[in-house]
Amino acid sequence: MHTLLDLIAFLRENYAHEITRSLLLVLTLLIIRVTVDRLLAANSGVPVEERRRWSVNTRNGLFLAGLAGIGLIWANELQTLAVSMLAFAAALILATKELIMCLSGGVVRQMSNSYGLGDHIELGAVRGRVVDIGLLSTTVMEIGPNHSSHQMTGRALTFPNSLLLSTPVIRENYMGEYVMHIINVPLAYTVPPVQAERLLMGAAEEACDCHVDVARRHMEDMAKRYLVDIPSVEPRISIQPIDEKRYQLILRIAIPARERQRIEQAILHKFMSDCYPIIEQQ
């Protein structure tokens, strides 16, 4: 007990101003965070994605401001401590290497604009919709269970930002509201390829005609903004042999990113219903 009281007395005599300013800084940042969260919760008219973006940016910004403020307040003491504990600092860096790598990965993401809130990304075995971006980690709502599915599984996956230093990020909705979507349809050679291609193209045109003009304008805007080449937005089909018994039709369409699952299923249902009655009659 006497040791604790002596420590408190020592801190009060030597670091009273620094401690007071540090507490005031922390209190101010907490008040700002609570105020922003309440304002966002009260503005129900603002889209959820926009409110989540403001919340995450505010949290990260206040955290960085807190670190910078504490560093400035205790600058003289930290400088003295750093000089006298150089060896300890080197050991500390080695011990916190993973944390430093996570922070570095966050910087890489921010500088390269790899992804943001709401983006659909794939990183290694992780595939999902970004719902939270922290200084050390990123959380996504899983999409799956495989690449042929575009539905939420209900599971949240969190990965460290250090993965961004060694693993490429695939951003599925890079083109914005409209994306180029690929549908693979494997078929046996008992289904004539020319006939199957015609039926699949008919189903694709029926489902996508209402989106073609808007998608074309969107892609042209994206080409001007990012200076990239854009593919044709009209449905395209290519045929690829798989083995001696099967081949596959590869359909490429331009559709709204949020409607990929619905439009894909509509095309497949239409194609299957048109194709297999013909096979039964042969």
C-alpha atoms as a PDB file:
ATOM      1  CA  MET A   1       0.000   0.000   0.000  1.00  0.00           C
ATOM      2  CA  HIS A   2       2.796   2.414   0.897  1.00  0.00           C
ATOM      3  CA  THR A   3       4.496   1.679  -2.404  1.00  0.00           C
ATOM      4  CA  LEU A   4       1.320   2.510  -4.349  1.00  0.00           C
ATOM      5  CA  LEU A   5       0.824   5.728  -2.388  1.00  0.00           C
ATOM      6  CA  ASP A   6       4.424   6.688  -2.989  1.00  0.00           C
ATOM      7  CA  LEU A   7       4.001   6.061  -6.718  1.00  0.00           C
ATOM      8  CA  ILE A   8       0.875   8.229  -6.837  1.00  0.00           C
ATOM      9  CA  ALA A   9       2.657  10.995  -4.944  1.00  0.00           C
ATOM     10  CA  PHE A  10       5.644  10.794  -7.287  1.00  0.00           C
ATOM     11  CA  LEU A  11       3.445  11.028 -10.386  1.00  0.00           C
ATOM     12  CA  ARG A  12       1.505  13.931  -8.903  1.00  0.00           C
ATOM     13  CA  GLU A  13       4.650  15.891  -8.130  1.00  0.00           C
ATOM     14  CA  ASN A  14       6.446  15.279 -11.429  1.00  0.00           C
ATOM     15  CA  TYR A  15       3.818  14.576 -14.105  1.00  0.00           C
ATOM     16  CA  ALA A  16       0.621  16.266 -12.897  1.00  0.00           C
ATOM     17  CA  HIS A  17       0.298  18.462 -16.005  1.00  0.00           C
ATOM     18  CA  GLU A  18       0.917  15.593 -18.433  1.00  0.00           C
ATOM     19  CA  ILE A  19      -1.550  13.295 -16.687  1.00  0.00           C
ATOM     20  CA  THR A  20      -4.230  16.015 -16.586  1.00  0.00           C
ATOM     21  CA  ARG A  21      -3.811  16.851 -20.262  1.00  0.00           C
ATOM     22  CA  SER A  22      -3.845  13.160 -21.201  1.00  0.00           C
ATOM     23  CA  LEU A  23      -7.083  12.558 -19.299  1.00  0.00           C
ATOM     24  CA  LEU A  24      -8.670  15.645 -20.869  1.00  0.00           C
ATOM     25  CA  LEU A  25      -7.628  14.440 -24.326  1.00  0.00           C
ATOM     26  CA  VAL A  26      -9.083  10.967 -23.781  1.00  0.00           C
ATOM     27  CA  LEU A  27     -12.303  12.420 -22.353  1.00  0.00           C
ATOM     28  CA  THR A  28     -12.654  14.798 -25.314  1.00  0.00           C
ATOM     29  CA  LEU A  29     -12.157  12.005 -27.836  1.00  0.00           C
ATOM     30  CA  LEU A  30     -14.698   9.796 -26.043  1.00  0.00           C
ATOM     31  CA  ILE A  31     -17.261  12.613 -26.056  1.00  0.00           C
ATOM     32  CA  ILE A  32     -16.716  13.166 -29.784  1.00  0.00           C
ATOM     33  CA  ARG A  33     -17.085   9.435 -30.483  1.00  0.00           C
ATOM     34  CA  VAL A  34     -20.312   9.113 -28.473  1.00  0.00           C
ATOM     35  CA  THR A  35     -21.741  12.290 -30.040  1.00  0.00           C
ATOM     36  CA  VAL A  36     -20.996  11.115 -33.585  1.00  0.00           C
ATOM     37  CA  ASP A  37     -22.488   7.659 -32.912  1.00  0.00           C
ATOM     38  CA  ARG A  38     -25.685   9.209 -31.513  1.00  0.00           C
ATOM     39  CA  LEU A  39     -25.994  11.581 -34.458  1.00  0.00           C
ATOM     40  CA  LEU A  40     -25.557   8.707 -36.908  1.00  0.00           C
ATOM     41  CA  ALA A  41     -28.111   6.577 -35.050  1.00  0.00           C
ATOM     42  CA  ALA A  42     -30.609   9.463 -35.059  1.00  0.00           C
ATOM     43  CA  ASN A  43     -30.289  10.096 -38.828  1.00  0.00           C
ATOM     44  CA  SER A  44     -32.260   7.098 -40.035  1.00  0.00           C
ATOM     45  CA  GLY A  45     -32.661   8.742 -43.441  1.00  0.00           C
ATOM     46  CA  VAL A  46     -28.950   8.321 -44.181  1.00  0.00           C
ATOM     47  CA  PRO A  47     -28.132   4.965 -45.849  1.00  0.00           C
ATOM     48  CA  VAL A  48     -26.724   2.340 -43.500  1.00  0.00           C
ATOM     49  CA  GLU A  49     -23.586   1.992 -45.612  1.00  0.00           C
ATOM     50  CA  GLU A  50     -22.891   5.739 -45.326  1.00  0.00           C
ATOM     51  CA  ARG A  51     -23.447   5.733 -41.555  1.00  0.00           C
ATOM     52  CA  ARG A  52     -21.151   2.726 -41.148  1.00  0.00           C
ATOM     53  CA  ARG A  53     -18.475   4.492 -43.200  1.00  0.00           C
ATOM     54  CA  TRP A  54     -18.701   7.602 -41.010  1.00  0.00           C
ATOM     55  CA  SER A  55     -18.541   5.484 -37.844  1.00  0.00           C
ATOM     56  CA  VAL A  56     -15.462   3.543 -38.957  1.00  0.00           C
ATOM     57  CA  ASN A  57     -13.627   6.643 -40.234  1.00  0.00           C
ATOM     58  CA  THR A  58     -14.433   8.531 -37.016  1.00  0.00           C
ATOM     59  CA  ARG A  59     -13.213   5.661 -34.834  1.00  0.00           C
ATOM     60  CA  ASN A  60      -9.949   5.281 -36.729  1.00  0.00           C
ATOM     61  CA  GLY A  61      -9.391   9.033 -36.927  1.00  0.00           C
ATOM     62  CA  LEU A  62      -9.947   9.543 -33.200  1.00  0.00           C
ATOM     63  CA  PHE A  63      -7.635   6.643 -32.390  1.00  0.00           C
ATOM     64  CA  LEU A  64      -4.834   8.153 -34.489  1.00  0.00           C
ATOM     65  CA  ALA A  65      -5.523  11.590 -33.003  1.00  0.00           C
ATOM     66  CA  GLY A  66      -5.301  10.088 -29.508  1.00  0.00           C
ATOM     67  CA  LEU A  67      -1.969   8.435 -30.251  1.00  0.00           C
ATOM     68  CA  ALA A  68      -0.581  11.643 -31.730  1.00  0.00           C
ATOM     69  CA  GLY A  69      -1.870  13.726 -28.811  1.00  0.00           C
ATOM     70  CA  ILE A  70      -0.428  11.388 -26.174  1.00  0.00           C
ATOM     71  CA  GLY A  71       2.867  11.387 -28.045  1.00  0.00           C
ATOM     72  CA  LEU A  72       2.998  15.197 -28.070  1.00  0.00           C
ATOM     73  CA  ILE A  73       2.004  15.502 -24.422  1.00  0.00           C
ATOM     74  CA  TRP A  74       4.634  13.020 -23.268  1.00  0.00           C
ATOM     75  CA  ALA A  75       7.229  13.875 -25.934  1.00  0.00           C
ATOM     76  CA  ASN A  76      10.015  14.931 -23.561  1.00  0.00           C
ATOM     77  CA  GLU A  77       9.537  11.944 -21.254  1.00  0.00           C
ATOM     78  CA  LEU A  78       9.338   9.522 -24.207  1.00  0.00           C
ATOM     79  CA  GLN A  79      12.528  10.960 -25.685  1.00  0.00           C
ATOM     80  CA  THR A  80      14.400  10.489 -22.437  1.00  0.00           C
ATOM     81  CA  LEU A  81      13.003   6.996 -22.047  1.00  0.00           C
ATOM     82  CA  ALA A  82      13.855   6.054 -25.644  1.00  0.00           C
ATOM     83  CA  VAL A  83      17.481   7.098 -25.278  1.00  0.00           C
ATOM     84  CA  SER A  84      17.924   5.149 -22.062  1.00  0.00           C
ATOM     85  CA  MET A  85      16.066   2.089 -23.302  1.00  0.00           C
ATOM     86  CA  LEU A  86      17.300   1.677 -26.886  1.00  0.00           C
ATOM     87  CA  ALA A  87      17.903  -2.035 -26.480  1.00  0.00           C
ATOM     88  CA  PHE A  88      14.465  -2.485 -24.957  1.00  0.00           C
ATOM     89  CA  ALA A  89      12.926  -0.583 -27.875  1.00  0.00           C
ATOM     90  CA  ALA A  90      14.604  -2.932 -30.366  1.00  0.00           C
ATOM     91  CA  ALA A  91      13.265  -5.942 -28.490  1.00  0.00           C
ATOM     92  CA  LEU A  92       9.839  -4.328 -28.364  1.00  0.00           C
ATOM     93  CA  ILE A  93       9.832  -3.886 -32.141  1.00  0.00           C
ATOM     94  CA  LEU A  94      10.662  -7.543 -32.624  1.00  0.00           C
ATOM     95  CA  ALA A  95       7.953  -8.576 -30.182  1.00  0.00           C
ATOM     96  CA  THR A  96       5.337  -6.412 -31.884  1.00  0.00           C
ATOM     97  CA  LYS A  97       6.335  -7.255 -35.451  1.00  0.00           C
ATOM     98  CA  GLU A  98       2.912  -8.683 -36.287  1.00  0.00           C
ATOM     99  CA  LEU A  99       1.164  -5.557 -35.016  1.00  0.00           C
ATOM    100  CA  ILE A 100       3.517  -3.374 -37.057  1.00  0.00           C
ATOM    101  CA  MET A 101       2.813  -5.506 -40.142  1.00  0.00           C
ATOM    102  CA  CYS A 102      -0.936  -5.134 -39.560  1.00  0.00           C
ATOM    103  CA  LEU A 103      -0.569  -1.354 -39.314  1.00  0.00           C
ATOM    104  CA  SER A 104       1.586  -1.376 -42.457  1.00  0.00           C
ATOM    105  CA  GLY A 105      -1.050  -3.422 -44.280  1.00  0.00           C
ATOM    106  CA  GLY A 106      -3.651  -0.850 -43.275  1.00  0.00           C
ATOM    107  CA  VAL A 107      -1.458   1.919 -44.683  1.00  0.00           C
ATOM    108  CA  VAL A 108      -1.019  -0.033 -47.940  1.00  0.00           C
ATOM    109  CA  ARG A 109      -4.800  -0.470 -48.218  1.00  0.00           C
ATOM    110  CA  GLN A 110      -5.391   3.231 -47.597  1.00  0.00           C
ATOM    111  CA  MET A 111      -2.707   4.413 -50.025  1.00  0.00           C
ATOM    112  CA  SER A 112      -3.667   2.006 -52.825  1.00  0.00           C
ATOM    113  CA  ASN A 113      -7.420   2.219 -52.208  1.00  0.00           C
ATOM    114  CA  SER A 114      -7.562  -1.580 -52.432  1.00  0.00           C
ATOM    115  CA  TYR A 115     -11.097  -1.723 -51.061  1.00  0.00           C
ATOM    116  CA  GLY A 116     -13.588   0.171 -48.949  1.00  0.00           C
ATOM    117  CA  LEU A 117     -16.744  -0.424 -46.961  1.00  0.00           C
ATOM    118  CA  GLY A 118     -19.358  -2.272 -48.989  1.00  0.00           C
ATOM    119  CA  ASP A 119     -16.894  -3.698 -51.512  1.00  0.00           C
ATOM    120  CA  HIS A 120     -16.998  -7.397 -52.417  1.00  0.00           C
ATOM    121  CA  ILE A 121     -13.463  -8.743 -52.097  1.00  0.00           C
ATOM    122  CA  GLU A 122     -11.565 -11.999 -52.168  1.00  0.00           C
ATOM    123  CA  LEU A 123      -8.305 -12.392 -50.263  1.00  0.00           C
ATOM    124  CA  GLY A 124      -6.890 -15.895 -50.236  1.00  0.00           C
ATOM    125  CA  ALA A 125      -9.608 -18.152 -48.810  1.00  0.00           C
ATOM    126  CA  VAL A 126     -11.663 -15.167 -47.602  1.00  0.00           C
ATOM    127  CA  ARG A 127     -14.498 -13.899 -49.810  1.00  0.00           C
ATOM    128  CA  GLY A 128     -17.173 -11.481 -48.687  1.00  0.00           C
ATOM    129  CA  ARG A 129     -18.601  -7.990 -48.343  1.00  0.00           C
ATOM    130  CA  VAL A 130     -16.535  -5.536 -46.300  1.00  0.00           C
ATOM    131  CA  VAL A 131     -18.448  -4.306 -43.234  1.00  0.00           C
ATOM    132  CA  ASP A 132     -15.653  -2.990 -41.016  1.00  0.00           C
ATOM    133  CA  ILE A 133     -12.106  -1.720 -41.567  1.00  0.00           C
ATOM    134  CA  GLY A 134      -9.868  -1.249 -38.543  1.00  0.00           C
ATOM    135  CA  LEU A 135      -6.249  -0.236 -38.157  1.00  0.00           C
ATOM    136  CA  LEU A 136      -5.260  -3.861 -37.516  1.00  0.00           C
ATOM    137  CA  SER A 137      -7.942  -5.986 -39.173  1.00  0.00           C
ATOM    138  CA  THR A 138     -10.822  -6.086 -41.649  1.00  0.00           C
ATOM    139  CA  THR A 139     -14.183  -7.811 -41.196  1.00  0.00           C
ATOM    140  CA  VAL A 140     -16.294  -9.158 -44.054  1.00  0.00           C
ATOM    141  CA  MET A 141     -19.678 -10.880 -44.247  1.00  0.00           C
ATOM    142  CA  GLU A 142     -18.913 -14.145 -46.013  1.00  0.00           C
ATOM    143  CA  ILE A 143     -20.261 -14.791 -49.514  1.00  0.00           C
ATOM    144  CA  GLY A 144     -20.380 -18.364 -50.639  1.00  0.00           C
ATOM    145  CA  PRO A 145     -20.045 -21.165 -49.996  1.00  0.00           C
ATOM    146  CA  ASN A 146     -18.111 -21.123 -53.314  1.00  0.00           C
ATOM    147  CA  HIS A 147     -17.515 -18.926 -56.355  1.00  0.00           C
ATOM    148  CA  SER A 148     -20.725 -20.079 -58.024  1.00  0.00           C
ATOM    149  CA  SER A 149     -22.792 -18.548 -55.219  1.00  0.00           C
ATOM    150  CA  HIS A 150     -23.352 -14.878 -54.472  1.00  0.00           C
ATOM    151  CA  GLN A 151     -25.393 -15.137 -51.275  1.00  0.00           C
ATOM    152  CA  MET A 152     -24.442 -14.141 -47.740  1.00  0.00           C
ATOM    153  CA  THR A 153     -23.754 -17.146 -45.528  1.00  0.00           C
ATOM    154  CA  GLY A 154     -24.411 -15.170 -42.330  1.00  0.00           C
ATOM    155  CA  ARG A 155     -20.862 -15.669 -41.059  1.00  0.00           C
ATOM    156  CA  ALA A 156     -18.483 -12.793 -40.307  1.00  0.00           C
ATOM    157  CA  LEU A 157     -14.807 -13.322 -41.147  1.00  0.00           C
ATOM    158  CA  THR A 158     -12.007 -11.178 -39.760  1.00  0.00           C
ATOM    159  CA  PHE A 159      -8.500 -11.205 -41.198  1.00  0.00           C
ATOM    160  CA  PRO A 160      -5.369  -9.248 -40.148  1.00  0.00           C
ATOM    161  CA  ASN A 161      -4.348  -6.410 -42.425  1.00  0.00           C
ATOM    162  CA  SER A 162      -0.856  -7.927 -42.615  1.00  0.00           C
ATOM    163  CA  LEU A 163      -2.238 -10.282 -45.296  1.00  0.00           C
ATOM    164  CA  LEU A 164      -2.400  -7.287 -47.633  1.00  0.00           C
ATOM    165  CA  LEU A 165       1.408  -7.225 -47.717  1.00  0.00           C
ATOM    166  CA  SER A 166       1.690 -10.702 -49.244  1.00  0.00           C
ATOM    167  CA  THR A 167      -1.675 -11.694 -50.763  1.00  0.00           C
ATOM    168  CA  PRO A 168      -3.339 -10.080 -53.798  1.00  0.00           C
ATOM    169  CA  VAL A 169      -6.800  -8.608 -53.272  1.00  0.00           C
ATOM    170  CA  ILE A 170      -9.546  -9.343 -55.793  1.00  0.00           C
ATOM    171  CA  ARG A 171     -12.178  -6.591 -55.830  1.00  0.00           C
ATOM    172  CA  GLU A 172     -15.231  -8.093 -57.477  1.00  0.00           C
ATOM    173  CA  ASN A 173     -17.210  -4.860 -57.784  1.00  0.00           C
ATOM    174  CA  TYR A 174     -14.348  -2.655 -58.983  1.00  0.00           C
ATOM    175  CA  MET A 175     -16.529  -1.337 -61.812  1.00  0.00           C
ATOM    176  CA  GLY A 176     -19.075   0.029 -59.352  1.00  0.00           C
ATOM    177  CA  GLU A 177     -22.831  -0.492 -59.567  1.00  0.00           C
ATOM    178  CA  TYR A 178     -22.605  -2.573 -62.756  1.00  0.00           C
ATOM    179  CA  VAL A 179     -20.226  -5.507 -63.084  1.00  0.00           C
ATOM    180  CA  MET A 180     -19.221  -8.034 -65.710  1.00  0.00           C
ATOM    181  CA  HIS A 181     -20.572 -11.365 -64.489  1.00  0.00           C
ATOM    182  CA  ILE A 182     -19.497 -14.815 -65.696  1.00  0.00           C
ATOM    183  CA  ILE A 183     -21.783 -17.872 -65.727  1.00  0.00           C
ATOM    184  CA  ASN A 184     -20.342 -21.320 -66.522  1.00  0.00           C
ATOM    185  CA  VAL A 185     -22.803 -23.936 -67.799  1.00  0.00           C
ATOM    186  CA  PRO A 186     -21.325 -27.461 -68.162  1.00  0.00           C
ATOM    187  CA  LEU A 187     -23.166 -29.726 -70.604  1.00  0.00           C
ATOM    188  CA  ALA A 188     -22.849 -33.180 -72.099  1.00  0.00           C
ATOM    189  CA  TYR A 189     -22.179 -33.529 -75.840  1.00  0.00           C
ATOM    190  CA  THR A 190     -25.657 -35.066 -76.156  1.00  0.00           C
ATOM    191  CA  VAL A 191     -26.830 -31.442 -76.045  1.00  0.00           C
ATOM    192  CA  PRO A 192     -25.848 -29.905 -79.420  1.00  0.00           C
ATOM    193  CA  PRO A 193     -23.493 -26.998 -78.676  1.00  0.00           C
ATOM    194  CA  VAL A 194     -24.977 -24.678 -81.309  1.00  0.00           C
ATOM    195  CA  GLN A 195     -28.484 -25.285 -80.030  1.00  0.00           C
ATOM    196  CA  ALA A 196     -27.435 -24.851 -76.394  1.00  0.00           C
ATOM    197  CA  GLU A 197     -25.627 -21.626 -77.242  1.00  0.00           C
ATOM    198  CA  ARG A 198     -28.710 -20.250 -78.968  1.00  0.00           C
ATOM    199  CA  LEU A 199     -30.967 -21.098 -76.015  1.00  0.00           C
ATOM    200  CA  LEU A 200     -28.558 -19.653 -73.452  1.00  0.00           C
ATOM    201  CA  MET A 201     -28.156 -16.450 -75.482  1.00  0.00           C
ATOM    202  CA  GLY A 202     -31.929 -16.095 -75.682  1.00  0.00           C
ATOM    203  CA  ALA A 203     -32.278 -16.487 -71.916  1.00  0.00           C
ATOM    204  CA  ALA A 204     -29.445 -13.987 -71.310  1.00  0.00           C
ATOM    205  CA  GLU A 205     -30.869 -11.366 -73.668  1.00  0.00           C
ATOM    206  CA  GLU A 206     -34.305 -11.698 -72.091  1.00  0.00           C
ATOM    207  CA  ALA A 207     -32.902 -11.151 -68.585  1.00  0.00           C
ATOM    208  CA  CYS A 208     -30.345  -8.451 -69.452  1.00  0.00           C
ATOM    209  CA  ASP A 209     -31.930  -6.308 -72.203  1.00  0.00           C
ATOM    210  CA  CYS A 210     -33.336  -3.835 -69.679  1.00  0.00           C
ATOM    211  CA  HIS A 211     -29.836  -3.270 -68.232  1.00  0.00           C
ATOM    212  CA  VAL A 212     -27.713  -3.006 -71.376  1.00  0.00           C
ATOM    213  CA  ASP A 213     -28.105   0.730 -72.103  1.00  0.00           C
ATOM    214  CA  VAL A 214     -27.586   1.794 -68.492  1.00  0.00           C
ATOM    215  CA  ALA A 215     -24.632  -0.588 -68.148  1.00  0.00           C
ATOM    216  CA  ARG A 216     -23.031   0.816 -71.319  1.00  0.00           C
ATOM    217  CA  ARG A 217     -23.256   4.392 -70.030  1.00  0.00           C
ATOM    218  CA  HIS A 218     -21.895   3.309 -66.651  1.00  0.00           C
ATOM    219  CA  MET A 219     -18.941   1.493 -68.215  1.00  0.00           C
ATOM    220  CA  GLU A 220     -18.147   4.485 -70.414  1.00  0.00           C
ATOM    221  CA  ASP A 221     -18.108   6.724 -67.344  1.00  0.00           C
ATOM    222  CA  MET A 222     -15.807   4.278 -65.562  1.00  0.00           C
ATOM    223  CA  ALA A 223     -13.463   4.222 -68.564  1.00  0.00           C
ATOM    224  CA  LYS A 224     -13.181   8.025 -68.478  1.00  0.00           C
ATOM    225  CA  ARG A 225     -12.687   8.110 -64.722  1.00  0.00           C
ATOM    226  CA  TYR A 226     -10.110   5.333 -64.365  1.00  0.00           C
ATOM    227  CA  LEU A 227      -8.634   5.367 -67.898  1.00  0.00           C
ATOM    228  CA  VAL A 228      -9.244   1.648 -68.407  1.00  0.00           C
ATOM    229  CA  ASP A 229     -10.483  -0.390 -71.336  1.00  0.00           C
ATOM    230  CA  ILE A 230     -14.042  -1.597 -70.953  1.00  0.00           C
ATOM    231  CA  PRO A 231     -15.524  -4.818 -72.333  1.00  0.00           C
ATOM    232  CA  SER A 232     -18.673  -4.971 -74.420  1.00  0.00           C
ATOM    233  CA  VAL A 233     -21.814  -4.968 -72.298  1.00  0.00           C
ATOM    234  CA  GLU A 234     -23.831  -7.146 -74.693  1.00  0.00           C
ATOM    235  CA  PRO A 235     -24.093 -10.822 -73.650  1.00  0.00           C
ATOM    236  CA  ARG A 236     -21.241 -12.922 -75.041  1.00  0.00           C
ATOM    237  CA  ILE A 237     -20.866 -16.717 -75.087  1.00  0.00           C
ATOM    238  CA  SER A 238     -17.783 -18.823 -75.673  1.00  0.00           C
ATOM    239  CA  ILE A 239     -17.557 -22.621 -75.877  1.00  0.00           C
ATOM    240  CA  GLN A 240     -14.817 -24.520 -74.079  1.00  0.00           C
ATOM    241  CA  PRO A 241     -14.267 -28.322 -74.153  1.00  0.00           C
ATOM    242  CA  ILE A 242     -13.859 -29.949 -70.731  1.00  0.00           C
ATOM    243  CA  ASP A 243     -13.171 -33.568 -71.701  1.00  0.00           C
ATOM    244  CA  GLU A 244     -14.371 -36.147 -74.233  1.00  0.00           C
ATOM    245  CA  LYS A 245     -17.833 -36.214 -72.630  1.00  0.00           C
ATOM    246  CA  ARG A 246     -18.503 -32.634 -71.647  1.00  0.00           C
ATOM    247  CA  TYR A 247     -18.091 -29.036 -72.730  1.00  0.00           C
ATOM    248  CA  GLN A 248     -19.097 -25.777 -71.101  1.00  0.00           C
ATOM    249  CA  LEU A 249     -20.716 -22.555 -72.235  1.00  0.00           C
ATOM    250  CA  ILE A 250     -19.150 -19.451 -70.691  1.00  0.00           C
ATOM    251  CA  LEU A 251     -21.618 -16.565 -70.604  1.00  0.00           C
ATOM    252  CA  ARG A 252     -20.502 -12.999 -69.863  1.00  0.00           C
ATOM    253  CA  ILE A 253     -23.114 -10.364 -69.051  1.00  0.00           C
ATOM    254  CA  ALA A 254     -23.184  -6.810 -67.662  1.00  0.00           C
ATOM    255  CA  ILE A 255     -25.666  -6.529 -64.796  1.00  0.00           C
ATOM    256  CA  PRO A 256     -26.205  -4.595 -61.542  1.00  0.00           C
ATOM    257  CA  ALA A 257     -23.845  -5.885 -58.855  1.00  0.00           C
ATOM    258  CA  ARG A 258     -26.643  -6.259 -56.309  1.00  0.00           C
ATOM    259  CA  GLU A 259     -28.726  -8.433 -58.653  1.00  0.00           C
ATOM    260  CA  ARG A 260     -26.121 -10.986 -59.712  1.00  0.00           C
ATOM    261  CA  GLN A 261     -27.708 -13.889 -57.854  1.00  0.00           C
ATOM    262  CA  ARG A 262     -31.257 -13.143 -59.039  1.00  0.00           C
ATOM    263  CA  ILE A 263     -30.352 -12.579 -62.689  1.00  0.00           C
ATOM    264  CA  GLU A 264     -28.043 -15.595 -62.824  1.00  0.00           C
ATOM    265  CA  GLN A 265     -30.787 -17.841 -61.450  1.00  0.00           C
ATOM    266  CA  ALA A 266     -33.353 -16.374 -63.856  1.00  0.00           C
ATOM    267  CA  ILE A 267     -31.083 -17.114 -66.836  1.00  0.00           C
ATOM    268  CA  LEU A 268     -30.304 -20.650 -65.672  1.00  0.00           C
ATOM    269  CA  HIS A 269     -33.970 -21.465 -64.977  1.00  0.00           C
ATOM    270  CA  LYS A 270     -35.003 -20.177 -68.391  1.00  0.00           C
ATOM    271  CA  PHE A 271     -32.189 -22.069 -70.139  1.00  0.00           C
ATOM    272  CA  MET A 272     -32.854 -25.336 -68.311  1.00  0.00           C
ATOM    273  CA  SER A 273     -36.579 -25.205 -68.982  1.00  0.00           C
ATOM    274  CA  ASP A 274     -36.017 -24.494 -72.704  1.00  0.00           C
ATOM    275  CA  CYS A 275     -33.141 -26.933 -73.190  1.00  0.00           C
ATOM    276  CA  TYR A 276     -34.114 -30.161 -71.511  1.00  0.00           C
ATOM    277  CA  PRO A 277     -37.628 -30.588 -72.940  1.00  0.00           C
ATOM    278  CA  ILE A 278     -35.927 -30.526 -76.362  1.00  0.00           C
ATOM    279  CA  ILE A 279     -33.534 -33.273 -75.247  1.00  0.00           C
ATOM    280  CA  GLU A 280     -36.428 -35.424 -74.049  1.00  0.00           C
ATOM    281  CA  GLN A 281     -38.113 -35.212 -77.447  1.00  0.00           C
ATOM    282  CA  GLN A 282     -34.980 -36.335 -79.297  1.00  0.00           C
END
